[in-house]
Structures are given as C-alpha cells and as structure tokens.
PDB file of N, CA and C in Angstrom:
ATOM      1  N   MET A   1     169.701 174.602  30.235  1.00  0.00           N
ATOM      2  CA  MET A   1     169.484 174.669  28.816  1.00  0.00           C
ATOM      3  C   MET A   1     170.145 175.942  28.296  1.00  0.00           C
ATOM      4  N   LYS A   2     170.954 175.808  27.290  1.00  0.00           N
ATOM      5  CA  LYS A   2     171.708 176.955  26.781  1.00  0.00           C
ATOM      6  C   LYS A   2     170.846 177.939  26.015  1.00  0.00           C
ATOM      7  N   ASP A   3     169.815 177.459  25.350  1.00  0.00           N
ATOM      8  CA  ASP A   3     168.989 178.325  24.516  1.00  0.00           C
ATOM      9  C   ASP A   3     167.597 178.459  25.138  1.00  0.00           C
ATOM     10  N   PRO A   4     167.332 179.562  25.857  1.00  0.00           N
ATOM     11  CA  PRO A   4     166.028 179.718  26.497  1.00  0.00           C
ATOM     12  C   PRO A   4     164.873 179.776  25.507  1.00  0.00           C
ATOM     13  N   ASP A   5     165.150 180.067  24.241  1.00  0.00           N
ATOM     14  CA  ASP A   5     164.086 180.089  23.238  1.00  0.00           C
ATOM     15  C   ASP A   5     163.549 178.687  22.944  1.00  0.00           C
ATOM     16  N   SER A   6     164.257 177.651  23.383  1.00  0.00           N
ATOM     17  CA  SER A   6     163.822 176.270  23.156  1.00  0.00           C
ATOM     18  C   SER A   6     162.692 175.862  24.089  1.00  0.00           C
ATOM     19  N   ILE A   7     162.549 176.537  25.200  1.00  0.00           N
ATOM     20  CA  ILE A   7     161.563 176.146  26.208  1.00  0.00           C
ATOM     21  C   ILE A   7     160.137 176.129  25.649  1.00  0.00           C
ATOM     22  N   PRO A   8     159.692 177.147  24.912  1.00  0.00           N
ATOM     23  CA  PRO A   8     158.335 177.083  24.363  1.00  0.00           C
ATOM     24  C   PRO A   8     158.126 175.881  23.427  1.00  0.00           C
ATOM     25  N   MET A   9     159.133 175.527  22.645  1.00  0.00           N
ATOM     26  CA  MET A   9     159.012 174.375  21.742  1.00  0.00           C
ATOM     27  C   MET A   9     158.913 173.070  22.541  1.00  0.00           C
ATOM     28  N   LEU A  10     159.697 172.978  23.608  1.00  0.00           N
ATOM     29  CA  LEU A  10     159.624 171.782  24.448  1.00  0.00           C
ATOM     30  C   LEU A  10     158.226 171.631  25.048  1.00  0.00           C
ATOM     31  N   LYS A  11     157.652 172.744  25.504  1.00  0.00           N
ATOM     32  CA  LYS A  11     156.304 172.705  26.077  1.00  0.00           C
ATOM     33  C   LYS A  11     155.262 172.388  25.010  1.00  0.00           C
ATOM     34  N   LYS A  12     155.397 172.990  23.841  1.00  0.00           N
ATOM     35  CA  LYS A  12     154.428 172.780  22.759  1.00  0.00           C
ATOM     36  C   LYS A  12     154.342 171.309  22.361  1.00  0.00           C
ATOM     37  N   TYR A  13     155.497 170.634  22.283  1.00  0.00           N
ATOM     38  CA  TYR A  13     155.518 169.241  21.832  1.00  0.00           C
ATOM     39  C   TYR A  13     155.632 168.245  22.984  1.00  0.00           C
ATOM     40  N   SER A  14     155.473 168.732  24.209  1.00  0.00           N
ATOM     41  CA  SER A  14     155.571 167.885  25.404  1.00  0.00           C
ATOM     42  C   SER A  14     156.846 167.045  25.398  1.00  0.00           C
ATOM     43  N   ALA A  15     157.922 167.659  24.983  1.00  0.00           N
ATOM     44  CA  ALA A  15     159.208 166.964  24.923  1.00  0.00           C
ATOM     45  C   ALA A  15     159.873 166.999  26.293  1.00  0.00           C
ATOM     46  N   SER A  16     160.736 166.053  26.501  1.00  0.00           N
ATOM     47  CA  SER A  16     161.512 166.045  27.739  1.00  0.00           C
ATOM     48  C   SER A  16     162.989 165.868  27.389  1.00  0.00           C
ATOM     49  N   LEU A  17     163.829 166.220  28.322  1.00  0.00           N
ATOM     50  CA  LEU A  17     165.269 166.123  28.113  1.00  0.00           C
ATOM     51  C   LEU A  17     165.842 165.030  28.999  1.00  0.00           C
ATOM     52  N   VAL A  18     166.832 164.333  28.489  1.00  0.00           N
ATOM     53  CA  VAL A  18     167.524 163.313  29.265  1.00  0.00           C
ATOM     54  C   VAL A  18     168.968 163.768  29.427  1.00  0.00           C
ATOM     55  N   PRO A  19     169.381 164.051  30.674  1.00  0.00           N
ATOM     56  CA  PRO A  19     170.775 164.453  30.863  1.00  0.00           C
ATOM     57  C   PRO A  19     171.710 163.302  30.499  1.00  0.00           C
ATOM     58  N   THR A  20     172.801 163.635  29.852  1.00  0.00           N
ATOM     59  CA  THR A  20     173.782 162.639  29.433  1.00  0.00           C
ATOM     60  C   THR A  20     175.155 163.070  29.927  1.00  0.00           C
ATOM     61  N   PHE A  21     175.879 162.126  30.508  1.00  0.00           N
ATOM     62  CA  PHE A  21     177.213 162.383  31.025  1.00  0.00           C
ATOM     63  C   PHE A  21     178.167 161.372  30.414  1.00  0.00           C
ATOM     64  N   ILE A  22     179.346 161.823  29.996  1.00  0.00           N
ATOM     65  CA  ILE A  22     180.334 160.907  29.423  1.00  0.00           C
ATOM     66  C   ILE A  22     181.724 161.228  29.949  1.00  0.00           C
ATOM     67  N   VAL A  23     182.568 160.202  29.992  1.00  0.00           N
ATOM     68  CA  VAL A  23     183.992 160.360  30.309  1.00  0.00           C
ATOM     69  C   VAL A  23     184.746 159.857  29.094  1.00  0.00           C
ATOM     70  N   LEU A  24     185.640 160.685  28.574  1.00  0.00           N
ATOM     71  CA  LEU A  24     186.436 160.331  27.404  1.00  0.00           C
ATOM     72  C   LEU A  24     187.889 160.115  27.794  1.00  0.00           C
ATOM     73  N   ASP A  25     188.569 159.206  27.071  1.00  0.00           N
ATOM     74  CA  ASP A  25     190.005 159.083  27.279  1.00  0.00           C
ATOM     75  C   ASP A  25     190.709 160.099  26.387  1.00  0.00           C
ATOM     76  N   LYS A  26     192.037 160.094  26.389  1.00  0.00           N
ATOM     77  CA  LYS A  26     192.759 161.124  25.642  1.00  0.00           C
ATOM     78  C   LYS A  26     192.579 160.987  24.131  1.00  0.00           C
ATOM     79  N   ASN A  27     192.120 159.828  23.667  1.00  0.00           N
ATOM     80  CA  ASN A  27     191.846 159.615  22.241  1.00  0.00           C
ATOM     81  C   ASN A  27     190.383 159.862  21.896  1.00  0.00           C
ATOM     82  N   GLU A  28     189.662 160.457  22.845  1.00  0.00           N
ATOM     83  CA  GLU A  28     188.250 160.789  22.702  1.00  0.00           C
ATOM     84  C   GLU A  28     187.357 159.565  22.567  1.00  0.00           C
ATOM     85  N   LYS A  29     187.807 158.427  23.093  1.00  0.00           N
ATOM     86  CA  LYS A  29     186.991 157.217  23.147  1.00  0.00           C
ATOM     87  C   LYS A  29     186.171 157.274  24.433  1.00  0.00           C
ATOM     88  N   ILE A  30     184.897 156.924  24.357  1.00  0.00           N
ATOM     89  CA  ILE A  30     184.036 156.927  25.539  1.00  0.00           C
ATOM     90  C   ILE A  30     184.424 155.755  26.429  1.00  0.00           C
ATOM     91  N   VAL A  31     184.792 156.056  27.677  1.00  0.00           N
ATOM     92  CA  VAL A  31     185.130 155.006  28.627  1.00  0.00           C
ATOM     93  C   VAL A  31     184.040 154.819  29.677  1.00  0.00           C
ATOM     94  N   TRP A  32     183.098 155.760  29.747  1.00  0.00           N
ATOM     95  CA  TRP A  32     181.969 155.652  30.666  1.00  0.00           C
ATOM     96  C   TRP A  32     180.877 156.597  30.189  1.00  0.00           C
ATOM     97  N   GLU A  33     179.617 156.164  30.330  1.00  0.00           N
ATOM     98  CA  GLU A  33     178.499 157.049  29.987  1.00  0.00           C
ATOM     99  C   GLU A  33     177.317 156.758  30.892  1.00  0.00           C
ATOM    100  N   GLN A  34     176.517 157.776  31.096  1.00  0.00           N
ATOM    101  CA  GLN A  34     175.308 157.654  31.900  1.00  0.00           C
ATOM    102  C   GLN A  34     174.224 158.485  31.243  1.00  0.00           C
ATOM    103  N   PHE A  35     173.064 157.900  31.104  1.00  0.00           N
ATOM    104  CA  PHE A  35     171.915 158.603  30.535  1.00  0.00           C
ATOM    105  C   PHE A  35     170.866 158.765  31.619  1.00  0.00           C
ATOM    106  N   GLY A  36     170.454 159.991  31.847  1.00  0.00           N
ATOM    107  CA  GLY A  36     169.407 160.269  32.818  1.00  0.00           C
ATOM    108  C   GLY A  36     169.891 160.195  34.255  1.00  0.00           C
ATOM    109  N   GLY A  37     169.025 160.603  35.141  1.00  0.00           N
ATOM    110  CA  GLY A  37     169.317 160.536  36.560  1.00  0.00           C
ATOM    111  C   GLY A  37     170.305 161.589  37.023  1.00  0.00           C
ATOM    112  N   ILE A  38     170.708 161.433  38.262  1.00  0.00           N
ATOM    113  CA  ILE A  38     171.664 162.348  38.872  1.00  0.00           C
ATOM    114  C   ILE A  38     173.067 161.832  38.582  1.00  0.00           C
ATOM    115  N   PHE A  39     173.948 162.728  38.223  1.00  0.00           N
ATOM    116  CA  PHE A  39     175.327 162.377  37.869  1.00  0.00           C
ATOM    117  C   PHE A  39     175.976 161.546  38.966  1.00  0.00           C
ATOM    118  N   ASN A  40     176.499 160.377  38.594  1.00  0.00           N
ATOM    119  CA  ASN A  40     177.171 159.496  39.543  1.00  0.00           C
ATOM    120  C   ASN A  40     178.676 159.743  39.448  1.00  0.00           C
ATOM    121  N   SER A  41     179.159 160.688  40.246  1.00  0.00           N
ATOM    122  CA  SER A  41     180.559 161.088  40.155  1.00  0.00           C
ATOM    123  C   SER A  41     181.513 159.965  40.550  1.00  0.00           C
ATOM    124  N   GLU A  42     181.110 159.099  41.479  1.00  0.00           N
ATOM    125  CA  GLU A  42     181.988 158.003  41.899  1.00  0.00           C
ATOM    126  C   GLU A  42     182.253 157.048  40.737  1.00  0.00           C
ATOM    127  N   GLU A  43     181.215 156.664  40.016  1.00  0.00           N
ATOM    128  CA  GLU A  43     181.387 155.781  38.859  1.00  0.00           C
ATOM    129  C   GLU A  43     182.206 156.456  37.763  1.00  0.00           C
ATOM    130  N   ALA A  44     181.962 157.735  37.527  1.00  0.00           N
ATOM    131  CA  ALA A  44     182.692 158.462  36.485  1.00  0.00           C
ATOM    132  C   ALA A  44     184.181 158.528  36.820  1.00  0.00           C
ATOM    133  N   LEU A  45     184.506 158.841  38.067  1.00  0.00           N
ATOM    134  CA  LEU A  45     185.913 158.904  38.473  1.00  0.00           C
ATOM    135  C   LEU A  45     186.570 157.531  38.422  1.00  0.00           C
ATOM    136  N   ASP A  46     185.843 156.493  38.837  1.00  0.00           N
ATOM    137  CA  ASP A  46     186.384 155.131  38.749  1.00  0.00           C
ATOM    138  C   ASP A  46     186.719 154.779  37.307  1.00  0.00           C
ATOM    139  N   ALA A  47     185.832 155.106  36.386  1.00  0.00           N
ATOM    140  CA  ALA A  47     186.075 154.822  34.966  1.00  0.00           C
ATOM    141  C   ALA A  47     187.280 155.592  34.459  1.00  0.00           C
ATOM    142  N   LEU A  48     187.410 156.825  34.877  1.00  0.00           N
ATOM    143  CA  LEU A  48     188.529 157.646  34.439  1.00  0.00           C
ATOM    144  C   LEU A  48     189.854 157.086  34.957  1.00  0.00           C
ATOM    145  N   PHE A  49     189.905 156.750  36.230  1.00  0.00           N
ATOM    146  CA  PHE A  49     191.153 156.273  36.821  1.00  0.00           C
ATOM    147  C   PHE A  49     191.459 154.822  36.463  1.00  0.00           C
ATOM    148  N   ASP A  50     190.449 154.028  36.094  1.00  0.00           N
ATOM    149  CA  ASP A  50     190.705 152.660  35.627  1.00  0.00           C
ATOM    150  C   ASP A  50     191.491 152.680  34.329  1.00  0.00           C
ATOM    151  N   CYS A  51     191.376 153.745  33.591  1.00  0.00           N
ATOM    152  CA  CYS A  51     192.024 153.833  32.289  1.00  0.00           C
ATOM    153  C   CYS A  51     193.465 154.340  32.391  1.00  0.00           C
ATOM    154  N   TYR A  52     193.916 154.642  33.574  1.00  0.00           N
ATOM    155  CA  TYR A  52     195.265 155.186  33.742  1.00  0.00           C
ATOM    156  C   TYR A  52     196.080 154.343  34.710  1.00  0.00           C
ATOM    157  N   THR A  53     197.373 154.272  34.483  1.00  0.00           N
ATOM    158  CA  THR A  53     198.283 153.572  35.390  1.00  0.00           C
ATOM    159  C   THR A  53     199.490 154.461  35.663  1.00  0.00           C
ATOM    160  N   GLU A  54     200.088 154.267  36.817  1.00  0.00           N
ATOM    161  CA  GLU A  54     201.295 155.033  37.141  1.00  0.00           C
ATOM    162  C   GLU A  54     202.517 154.266  36.635  1.00  0.00           C
ATOM    163  N   LYS A  55     203.379 154.949  35.935  1.00  0.00           N
ATOM    164  CA  LYS A  55     204.602 154.343  35.430  1.00  0.00           C
ATOM    165  C   LYS A  55     205.665 155.433  35.406  1.00  0.00           C
ATOM    166  N   ASP A  56     206.776 155.175  36.053  1.00  0.00           N
ATOM    167  CA  ASP A  56     207.861 156.154  36.115  1.00  0.00           C
ATOM    168  C   ASP A  56     207.384 157.497  36.664  1.00  0.00           C
ATOM    169  N   LEU A  57     206.530 157.434  37.679  1.00  0.00           N
ATOM    170  CA  LEU A  57     205.990 158.616  38.342  1.00  0.00           C
ATOM    171  C   LEU A  57     205.183 159.521  37.414  1.00  0.00           C
ATOM    172  N   GLU A  58     204.652 158.948  36.339  1.00  0.00           N
ATOM    173  CA  GLU A  58     203.778 159.686  35.425  1.00  0.00           C
ATOM    174  C   GLU A  58     202.473 158.923  35.281  1.00  0.00           C
ATOM    175  N   ILE A  59     201.458 159.600  34.889  1.00  0.00           N
ATOM    176  CA  ILE A  59     200.189 158.928  34.616  1.00  0.00           C
ATOM    177  C   ILE A  59     200.120 158.715  33.112  1.00  0.00           C
ATOM    178  N   ASN A  60     200.020 157.461  32.726  1.00  0.00           N
ATOM    179  CA  ASN A  60     200.024 157.096  31.303  1.00  0.00           C
ATOM    180  C   ASN A  60     198.685 156.489  30.913  1.00  0.00           C
ATOM    181  N   PRO A  61     198.124 156.883  29.778  1.00  0.00           N
ATOM    182  CA  PRO A  61     196.862 156.285  29.353  1.00  0.00           C
ATOM    183  C   PRO A  61     197.043 154.801  29.056  1.00  0.00           C
ATOM    184  N   CYS A  62     195.998 154.033  29.323  1.00  0.00           N
ATOM    185  CA  CYS A  62     196.061 152.586  29.071  1.00  0.00           C
ATOM    186  C   CYS A  62     195.856 152.282  27.604  1.00  0.00           C
TER     187      CYS A  62
END
C-alpha cells in the first residue's frame, strides 16, 4: 500500500483490498486482467505474447 495513512481507515471500516493485475497492448487496450489471488505470470505472459507476431525479424503488435 503506497499510503500508510490509509491503514487506520481500512481497519475502521473493515475494508479489504483486492489485488488487480493487467496487461496492456501498445494502444493501452487491456489484453488480460486478473482480480485477486496470486499473480499468474504464465497467463499474463501468454496474453502478452499472443498479441504479438514476428514479421521481418521484428515484433509487431497484432
């Protein structure tokens, strides 16, 4: 948590946090997202590389 002053408010209102992870393409479009749990790096990398193809020895966005 970036702001340690938020901790007392979270405790006061019994709030909880849900970690969120996203993978964006070069146009800032979400190509993969995960809410909660432990970060699934394999799925995130698969989503990232599914959006790219090799052409003329370069990686080009799909």
